[in-house]
Structure formats: C-alpha cells, structure tokens
C-alpha cells in the first residue's frame, strides 16, 4: 500500500485473492463484489498486468 492505494503486480501468471474496504475503486469503478462487509475478487496478474485499487477516504 502506498498513498492510499494497493498496487499489485507479478512477473509470473497467477491469481490472487484481494479483499478491501467497502468503497474501494479500480479504474473509477467499484472493485470486486460484496463479501463479508467488504469487497473481494480474485485478481489475475502476470507479465505486464498490474492492478491499482484506490482505498476509500484517500
């Protein structure tokens, strides 16, 4: 986490679970699906694929 954002990346192809607070966004859209009062999704990573999630309140 840096400056209120979660940054994910990997040189190898893999999927990782990510759970974030309600209100988090990625690319201007709500991230993931509701799960246990939070938002969650399996995130595919690999090669040059990266993901940045903006946390609420930042």
C-alpha atoms as a PDB file:
ATOM      1  CA  UNK A   1       0.000   0.000   0.000  1.00  0.00           C
ATOM      2  CA  UNK A   2       1.240   3.444  -0.900  1.00  0.00           C
ATOM      3  CA  UNK A   3      -0.590   6.777  -0.729  1.00  0.00           C
ATOM      4  CA  UNK A   4      -3.953   5.108  -0.048  1.00  0.00           C
ATOM      5  CA  UNK A   5      -3.618   2.718  -2.973  1.00  0.00           C
ATOM      6  CA  UNK A   6      -2.961  -1.001  -3.173  1.00  0.00           C
ATOM      7  CA  UNK A   7      -0.571  -1.893  -6.023  1.00  0.00           C
ATOM      8  CA  UNK A   8      -0.323  -5.481  -7.280  1.00  0.00           C
ATOM      9  CA  UNK A   9       1.919  -6.936  -9.974  1.00  0.00           C
ATOM     10  CA  UNK A  10       3.719 -10.173 -10.785  1.00  0.00           C
ATOM     11  CA  UNK A  11       6.171 -11.412 -13.391  1.00  0.00           C
ATOM     12  CA  UNK A  12       4.512 -14.865 -13.254  1.00  0.00           C
ATOM     13  CA  UNK A  13       0.919 -15.627 -14.255  1.00  0.00           C
ATOM     14  CA  UNK A  14      -1.214 -16.202 -11.171  1.00  0.00           C
ATOM     15  CA  UNK A  15      -4.468 -15.191  -9.489  1.00  0.00           C
ATOM     16  CA  UNK A  16      -4.527 -13.695  -6.004  1.00  0.00           C
ATOM     17  CA  UNK A  17      -7.472 -13.003  -3.707  1.00  0.00           C
ATOM     18  CA  UNK A  18      -7.864  -9.377  -2.674  1.00  0.00           C
ATOM     19  CA  UNK A  19     -10.279  -8.081  -0.039  1.00  0.00           C
ATOM     20  CA  UNK A  20     -10.593  -4.321   0.508  1.00  0.00           C
ATOM     21  CA  UNK A  21     -12.881  -1.931   2.432  1.00  0.00           C
ATOM     22  CA  UNK A  22     -16.298  -1.046   1.021  1.00  0.00           C
ATOM     23  CA  UNK A  23     -15.976   1.971  -1.286  1.00  0.00           C
ATOM     24  CA  UNK A  24     -12.672   0.909  -2.901  1.00  0.00           C
ATOM     25  CA  UNK A  25     -12.387   1.523  -6.649  1.00  0.00           C
ATOM     26  CA  UNK A  26     -10.233   0.421  -9.560  1.00  0.00           C
ATOM     27  CA  UNK A  27     -10.229   2.366 -12.804  1.00  0.00           C
ATOM     28  CA  UNK A  28     -13.064   4.531 -11.461  1.00  0.00           C
ATOM     29  CA  UNK A  29     -15.400   1.550 -10.908  1.00  0.00           C
ATOM     30  CA  UNK A  30     -16.282  -0.248  -7.688  1.00  0.00           C
ATOM     31  CA  UNK A  31     -13.755  -3.015  -7.066  1.00  0.00           C
ATOM     32  CA  UNK A  32     -14.914  -6.613  -6.660  1.00  0.00           C
ATOM     33  CA  UNK A  33     -18.143  -7.922  -5.188  1.00  0.00           C
ATOM     34  CA  UNK A  34     -19.599  -7.628  -1.691  1.00  0.00           C
ATOM     35  CA  UNK A  35     -18.216 -10.236   0.693  1.00  0.00           C
ATOM     36  CA  UNK A  36     -18.468 -10.164   4.488  1.00  0.00           C
ATOM     37  CA  UNK A  37     -18.988  -6.403   4.690  1.00  0.00           C
ATOM     38  CA  UNK A  38     -16.041  -5.753   2.390  1.00  0.00           C
ATOM     39  CA  UNK A  39     -15.312  -6.052  -1.342  1.00  0.00           C
ATOM     40  CA  UNK A  40     -13.411  -9.031  -2.719  1.00  0.00           C
ATOM     41  CA  UNK A  41     -12.222 -10.517  -6.016  1.00  0.00           C
ATOM     42  CA  UNK A  42      -9.700 -12.942  -7.456  1.00  0.00           C
ATOM     43  CA  UNK A  43      -7.234 -10.796  -9.410  1.00  0.00           C
ATOM     44  CA  UNK A  44      -5.347 -12.232 -12.418  1.00  0.00           C
ATOM     45  CA  UNK A  45      -1.752 -10.989 -12.604  1.00  0.00           C
ATOM     46  CA  UNK A  46       1.201 -11.759 -14.801  1.00  0.00           C
ATOM     47  CA  UNK A  47       3.616 -10.276 -17.272  1.00  0.00           C
ATOM     48  CA  UNK A  48       2.860  -6.585 -17.529  1.00  0.00           C
ATOM     49  CA  UNK A  49      -0.594  -6.858 -15.936  1.00  0.00           C
ATOM     50  CA  UNK A  50      -0.864  -4.672 -12.860  1.00  0.00           C
ATOM     51  CA  UNK A  51      -3.740  -3.543 -10.687  1.00  0.00           C
ATOM     52  CA  UNK A  52      -4.146  -0.410  -8.605  1.00  0.00           C
ATOM     53  CA  UNK A  53      -7.033  -0.134  -6.153  1.00  0.00           C
ATOM     54  CA  UNK A  54      -7.904   3.229  -4.599  1.00  0.00           C
ATOM     55  CA  UNK A  55      -8.990   2.810  -0.986  1.00  0.00           C
ATOM     56  CA  UNK A  56     -11.904   4.923   0.322  1.00  0.00           C
ATOM     57  CA  UNK A  57     -11.014   8.163   2.080  1.00  0.00           C
ATOM     58  CA  UNK A  58      -7.746   8.576   0.141  1.00  0.00           C
END
